[in-house]
Amino acid sequence: MMHTNTLGIQPPYYAVIFSSRLNSENDPDYQLTARHMEELASQQPGYLGVESVRDDEGKGITVSYWKDLQAIKRWKQQVDHLSAQASGKSKWYRSYNVKISLVEKSYGFEHI
């Protein structure tokens, strides 16, 4: 039996793991852009889902899931996303790191 994660995705698929530390959590432009990027990503071919958390000190992790490496490449080069990346480097992020991984197996537990 194949297991799917909480997003209902069945392996194999790719995960883009974006870890970051914000300069300021209260920047309304950042919040607006983050919501727009999530909505825009969801419209891209090959997009499978996203999970994201951020702590009170501005450290966060967002994991987006994609069908293949081509879908990830297209998303990275999407014009609005390129603009958001530039703003992230120039004003929003103290630091960030991106990792791209192939997910071959996924399993978990849910207490019902």
N, C-alpha and C. Protein backbone atom coordinates (compact mmCIF):
# COMPACT_ATOMS: atom_id res chain seq x y z
N MET A 1 0.84 -1.19 0.00
CA MET A 1 0.00 0.00 0.00
C MET A 1 0.88 1.24 0.00
N MET A 2 0.59 2.19 -0.89
CA MET A 2 1.33 3.45 -0.96
C MET A 2 0.75 4.41 0.06
N HIS A 3 1.62 5.15 0.74
CA HIS A 3 1.17 6.14 1.71
C HIS A 3 1.26 7.52 1.09
N THR A 4 0.29 8.36 1.36
CA THR A 4 0.34 9.76 0.95
C THR A 4 0.48 10.62 2.19
N ASN A 5 1.13 11.78 2.05
CA ASN A 5 1.29 12.66 3.20
C ASN A 5 0.01 13.45 3.45
N THR A 6 0.06 14.40 4.38
CA THR A 6 -1.14 15.16 4.74
C THR A 6 -1.71 15.97 3.58
N LEU A 7 -0.90 16.23 2.57
CA LEU A 7 -1.40 16.95 1.40
C LEU A 7 -1.99 16.00 0.36
N GLY A 8 -1.90 14.70 0.61
CA GLY A 8 -2.44 13.72 -0.33
C GLY A 8 -1.53 13.45 -1.52
N ILE A 9 -0.26 13.70 -1.37
CA ILE A 9 0.70 13.51 -2.46
C ILE A 9 1.32 12.13 -2.35
N GLN A 10 1.37 11.43 -3.44
CA GLN A 10 1.97 10.10 -3.47
C GLN A 10 3.35 10.17 -4.12
N PRO A 11 4.40 9.66 -3.45
CA PRO A 11 5.75 9.69 -4.02
C PRO A 11 5.83 8.89 -5.31
N PRO A 12 6.82 9.20 -6.15
CA PRO A 12 7.87 10.19 -5.96
C PRO A 12 7.42 11.59 -6.39
N TYR A 13 8.02 12.60 -5.75
CA TYR A 13 7.81 14.00 -6.08
C TYR A 13 8.99 14.77 -5.51
N TYR A 14 9.07 16.05 -5.80
CA TYR A 14 10.16 16.89 -5.33
C TYR A 14 9.67 17.84 -4.26
N ALA A 15 10.56 18.12 -3.32
CA ALA A 15 10.29 19.10 -2.26
C ALA A 15 11.33 20.20 -2.36
N VAL A 16 10.86 21.45 -2.38
CA VAL A 16 11.75 22.61 -2.29
C VAL A 16 11.62 23.13 -0.87
N ILE A 17 12.72 23.04 -0.13
CA ILE A 17 12.74 23.40 1.29
C ILE A 17 13.39 24.78 1.40
N PHE A 18 12.60 25.76 1.79
CA PHE A 18 13.05 27.15 1.89
C PHE A 18 13.07 27.54 3.36
N SER A 19 14.28 27.65 3.93
CA SER A 19 14.46 28.07 5.32
C SER A 19 14.89 29.53 5.30
N SER A 20 14.32 30.34 6.20
CA SER A 20 14.64 31.76 6.17
C SER A 20 14.56 32.38 7.56
N ARG A 21 15.20 33.54 7.66
CA ARG A 21 15.09 34.38 8.86
C ARG A 21 14.76 35.79 8.37
N LEU A 22 13.63 36.30 8.84
CA LEU A 22 13.17 37.62 8.43
C LEU A 22 13.90 38.73 9.16
N ASN A 23 14.02 39.89 8.49
CA ASN A 23 14.50 41.10 9.16
C ASN A 23 13.42 41.64 10.08
N SER A 24 12.17 41.63 9.61
CA SER A 24 11.03 42.12 10.39
C SER A 24 9.79 41.34 9.99
N GLU A 25 9.11 40.79 10.98
CA GLU A 25 7.89 40.02 10.69
C GLU A 25 6.70 40.91 10.36
N ASN A 26 6.77 42.16 10.74
CA ASN A 26 5.60 43.03 10.65
C ASN A 26 5.55 43.85 9.37
N ASP A 27 6.32 43.50 8.38
CA ASP A 27 6.31 44.23 7.11
C ASP A 27 5.08 43.82 6.32
N PRO A 28 4.11 44.74 6.15
CA PRO A 28 2.88 44.38 5.44
C PRO A 28 3.13 44.00 3.98
N ASP A 29 4.15 44.57 3.35
CA ASP A 29 4.48 44.20 1.97
C ASP A 29 4.93 42.74 1.90
N TYR A 30 5.68 42.31 2.91
CA TYR A 30 6.13 40.92 2.94
C TYR A 30 4.94 39.98 3.05
N GLN A 31 4.05 40.27 3.99
CA GLN A 31 2.88 39.41 4.21
C GLN A 31 2.02 39.33 2.94
N LEU A 32 1.79 40.46 2.31
CA LEU A 32 1.00 40.50 1.07
C LEU A 32 1.68 39.71 -0.04
N THR A 33 2.98 39.89 -0.19
CA THR A 33 3.72 39.19 -1.24
C THR A 33 3.75 37.69 -0.98
N ALA A 34 3.93 37.30 0.28
CA ALA A 34 3.96 35.87 0.63
C ALA A 34 2.64 35.20 0.26
N ARG A 35 1.53 35.85 0.57
CA ARG A 35 0.22 35.30 0.21
C ARG A 35 0.06 35.22 -1.31
N HIS A 36 0.51 36.26 -1.99
CA HIS A 36 0.41 36.28 -3.46
C HIS A 36 1.27 35.16 -4.07
N MET A 37 2.47 34.95 -3.54
CA MET A 37 3.35 33.90 -4.07
C MET A 37 2.72 32.52 -3.87
N GLU A 38 2.11 32.31 -2.71
CA GLU A 38 1.47 31.02 -2.47
C GLU A 38 0.32 30.79 -3.45
N GLU A 39 -0.48 31.81 -3.68
CA GLU A 39 -1.59 31.71 -4.64
C GLU A 39 -1.07 31.49 -6.06
N LEU A 40 -0.05 32.25 -6.43
CA LEU A 40 0.52 32.15 -7.78
C LEU A 40 1.18 30.79 -8.00
N ALA A 41 1.91 30.31 -7.01
CA ALA A 41 2.55 28.99 -7.13
C ALA A 41 1.51 27.91 -7.36
N SER A 42 0.38 28.02 -6.66
CA SER A 42 -0.66 26.99 -6.78
C SER A 42 -1.26 26.91 -8.18
N GLN A 43 -1.04 27.93 -8.98
CA GLN A 43 -1.55 27.95 -10.36
C GLN A 43 -0.54 27.43 -11.38
N GLN A 44 0.67 27.12 -10.92
CA GLN A 44 1.73 26.70 -11.83
C GLN A 44 1.60 25.22 -12.17
N PRO A 45 1.87 24.85 -13.43
CA PRO A 45 1.87 23.43 -13.80
C PRO A 45 2.90 22.67 -12.97
N GLY A 46 2.52 21.54 -12.43
CA GLY A 46 3.42 20.71 -11.65
C GLY A 46 3.42 20.99 -10.17
N TYR A 47 2.71 22.02 -9.73
CA TYR A 47 2.62 22.35 -8.30
C TYR A 47 1.74 21.31 -7.60
N LEU A 48 2.18 20.83 -6.44
CA LEU A 48 1.43 19.81 -5.71
C LEU A 48 0.94 20.26 -4.35
N GLY A 49 1.57 21.26 -3.73
CA GLY A 49 1.14 21.72 -2.42
C GLY A 49 2.23 22.45 -1.68
N VAL A 50 1.90 22.92 -0.47
CA VAL A 50 2.85 23.67 0.35
C VAL A 50 2.52 23.50 1.82
N GLU A 51 3.55 23.52 2.65
CA GLU A 51 3.43 23.55 4.10
C GLU A 51 4.40 24.61 4.60
N SER A 52 3.99 25.42 5.59
CA SER A 52 4.84 26.51 6.02
C SER A 52 4.63 26.82 7.50
N VAL A 53 5.72 27.14 8.20
CA VAL A 53 5.66 27.58 9.61
C VAL A 53 6.69 28.69 9.82
N ARG A 54 6.43 29.54 10.82
CA ARG A 54 7.37 30.60 11.20
C ARG A 54 7.24 30.82 12.69
N ASP A 55 8.37 30.99 13.39
CA ASP A 55 8.33 31.21 14.84
C ASP A 55 8.30 32.70 15.17
N ASP A 56 8.23 33.01 16.44
CA ASP A 56 8.11 34.40 16.90
C ASP A 56 9.37 35.22 16.66
N GLU A 57 10.48 34.56 16.38
CA GLU A 57 11.74 35.26 16.15
C GLU A 57 12.01 35.47 14.66
N GLY A 58 11.06 35.09 13.80
CA GLY A 58 11.21 35.31 12.36
C GLY A 58 11.85 34.18 11.60
N LYS A 59 12.17 33.08 12.29
CA LYS A 59 12.74 31.92 11.59
C LYS A 59 11.60 31.08 11.04
N GLY A 60 11.70 30.73 9.76
CA GLY A 60 10.63 29.97 9.14
C GLY A 60 11.13 28.92 8.17
N ILE A 61 10.21 28.05 7.83
CA ILE A 61 10.49 27.03 6.82
C ILE A 61 9.23 26.83 6.00
N THR A 62 9.41 26.84 4.70
CA THR A 62 8.32 26.57 3.76
C THR A 62 8.78 25.44 2.86
N VAL A 63 7.94 24.43 2.75
CA VAL A 63 8.24 23.30 1.87
C VAL A 63 7.16 23.27 0.80
N SER A 64 7.59 23.48 -0.44
CA SER A 64 6.64 23.36 -1.55
C SER A 64 6.95 22.06 -2.29
N TYR A 65 5.89 21.47 -2.83
CA TYR A 65 6.00 20.15 -3.47
C TYR A 65 5.68 20.28 -4.95
N TRP A 66 6.50 19.60 -5.76
CA TRP A 66 6.42 19.73 -7.21
C TRP A 66 6.54 18.37 -7.88
N LYS A 67 5.90 18.27 -9.04
CA LYS A 67 5.89 17.02 -9.80
C LYS A 67 7.28 16.66 -10.32
N ASP A 68 8.04 17.66 -10.79
CA ASP A 68 9.35 17.38 -11.39
C ASP A 68 10.25 18.61 -11.32
N LEU A 69 11.50 18.43 -11.73
CA LEU A 69 12.48 19.52 -11.68
C LEU A 69 12.14 20.64 -12.67
N GLN A 70 11.53 20.30 -13.78
CA GLN A 70 11.15 21.33 -14.76
C GLN A 70 10.12 22.29 -14.16
N ALA A 71 9.16 21.76 -13.40
CA ALA A 71 8.15 22.61 -12.76
C ALA A 71 8.82 23.56 -11.77
N ILE A 72 9.80 23.07 -11.03
CA ILE A 72 10.53 23.91 -10.08
C ILE A 72 11.29 25.00 -10.82
N LYS A 73 11.94 24.64 -11.90
CA LYS A 73 12.70 25.61 -12.70
C LYS A 73 11.78 26.70 -13.25
N ARG A 74 10.62 26.30 -13.78
CA ARG A 74 9.66 27.29 -14.30
C ARG A 74 9.20 28.23 -13.20
N TRP A 75 8.94 27.71 -12.00
CA TRP A 75 8.49 28.54 -10.88
C TRP A 75 9.60 29.52 -10.47
N LYS A 76 10.82 29.05 -10.40
CA LYS A 76 11.93 29.93 -10.01
C LYS A 76 12.08 31.09 -10.99
N GLN A 77 11.74 30.86 -12.26
CA GLN A 77 11.91 31.88 -13.30
C GLN A 77 10.64 32.67 -13.58
N GLN A 78 9.55 32.40 -12.88
CA GLN A 78 8.29 33.12 -13.08
C GLN A 78 8.52 34.59 -12.72
N VAL A 79 8.02 35.52 -13.53
CA VAL A 79 8.38 36.93 -13.43
C VAL A 79 8.01 37.55 -12.07
N ASP A 80 6.83 37.30 -11.54
CA ASP A 80 6.45 37.85 -10.23
C ASP A 80 7.28 37.22 -9.12
N HIS A 81 7.61 35.95 -9.28
CA HIS A 81 8.45 35.27 -8.29
C HIS A 81 9.87 35.84 -8.33
N LEU A 82 10.39 36.15 -9.51
CA LEU A 82 11.70 36.79 -9.61
C LEU A 82 11.73 38.12 -8.87
N SER A 83 10.66 38.90 -9.00
CA SER A 83 10.56 40.18 -8.31
C SER A 83 10.54 39.97 -6.79
N ALA A 84 9.77 38.98 -6.34
CA ALA A 84 9.71 38.68 -4.89
C ALA A 84 11.07 38.22 -4.38
N GLN A 85 11.79 37.43 -5.18
CA GLN A 85 13.13 36.98 -4.78
C GLN A 85 14.06 38.18 -4.59
N ALA A 86 14.01 39.13 -5.50
CA ALA A 86 14.86 40.32 -5.40
C ALA A 86 14.51 41.13 -4.15
N SER A 87 13.22 41.29 -3.87
CA SER A 87 12.81 42.01 -2.66
C SER A 87 13.25 41.27 -1.41
N GLY A 88 13.18 39.95 -1.45
CA GLY A 88 13.62 39.15 -0.31
C GLY A 88 15.08 39.40 -0.01
N LYS A 89 15.92 39.42 -1.03
CA LYS A 89 17.35 39.64 -0.84
C LYS A 89 17.65 41.07 -0.37
N SER A 90 16.92 42.04 -0.91
CA SER A 90 17.24 43.44 -0.63
C SER A 90 16.63 43.96 0.67
N LYS A 91 15.48 43.39 1.11
CA LYS A 91 14.86 44.00 2.29
C LYS A 91 14.21 43.06 3.29
N TRP A 92 13.74 41.89 2.91
CA TRP A 92 12.95 41.09 3.83
C TRP A 92 13.74 40.06 4.63
N TYR A 93 14.73 39.43 4.02
CA TYR A 93 15.41 38.31 4.67
C TYR A 93 16.78 38.70 5.21
N ARG A 94 17.03 38.26 6.43
CA ARG A 94 18.37 38.34 7.01
C ARG A 94 19.22 37.23 6.39
N SER A 95 18.58 36.08 6.15
CA SER A 95 19.25 34.95 5.51
C SER A 95 18.20 33.99 4.98
N TYR A 96 18.61 33.16 4.02
CA TYR A 96 17.75 32.07 3.57
C TYR A 96 18.60 30.97 2.95
N ASN A 97 18.00 29.80 2.85
CA ASN A 97 18.67 28.64 2.27
C ASN A 97 17.62 27.82 1.54
N VAL A 98 17.95 27.32 0.37
CA VAL A 98 17.04 26.51 -0.44
C VAL A 98 17.66 25.14 -0.67
N LYS A 99 16.88 24.11 -0.45
CA LYS A 99 17.29 22.74 -0.75
C LYS A 99 16.21 22.11 -1.62
N ILE A 100 16.62 21.33 -2.62
CA ILE A 100 15.67 20.62 -3.47
C ILE A 100 15.94 19.14 -3.31
N SER A 101 14.89 18.41 -2.94
CA SER A 101 15.05 16.98 -2.65
C SER A 101 14.01 16.15 -3.39
N LEU A 102 14.41 14.96 -3.77
CA LEU A 102 13.47 13.98 -4.33
C LEU A 102 12.90 13.18 -3.16
N VAL A 103 11.60 13.18 -3.05
CA VAL A 103 10.93 12.39 -2.01
C VAL A 103 10.54 11.06 -2.62
N GLU A 104 11.16 10.01 -2.13
CA GLU A 104 10.90 8.67 -2.65
C GLU A 104 9.94 7.89 -1.77
N LYS A 105 9.85 8.29 -0.51
CA LYS A 105 8.98 7.59 0.43
C LYS A 105 8.44 8.61 1.42
N SER A 106 7.20 8.43 1.82
CA SER A 106 6.56 9.31 2.79
C SER A 106 5.67 8.46 3.69
N TYR A 107 5.74 8.68 4.99
CA TYR A 107 4.86 7.97 5.90
C TYR A 107 4.62 8.82 7.12
N GLY A 108 3.61 8.50 7.89
CA GLY A 108 3.28 9.28 9.08
C GLY A 108 2.26 8.60 9.94
N PHE A 109 1.76 9.34 10.89
CA PHE A 109 0.80 8.86 11.86
C PHE A 109 -0.17 9.98 12.16
N GLU A 110 -1.42 9.66 12.29
CA GLU A 110 -2.43 10.62 12.69
C GLU A 110 -3.33 9.99 13.73
N HIS A 111 -3.37 10.58 14.90
CA HIS A 111 -4.22 10.07 15.98
C HIS A 111 -5.66 10.49 15.71
N ILE A 112 -6.55 9.52 15.67
CA ILE A 112 -7.95 9.82 15.37
C ILE A 112 -8.79 9.59 16.62
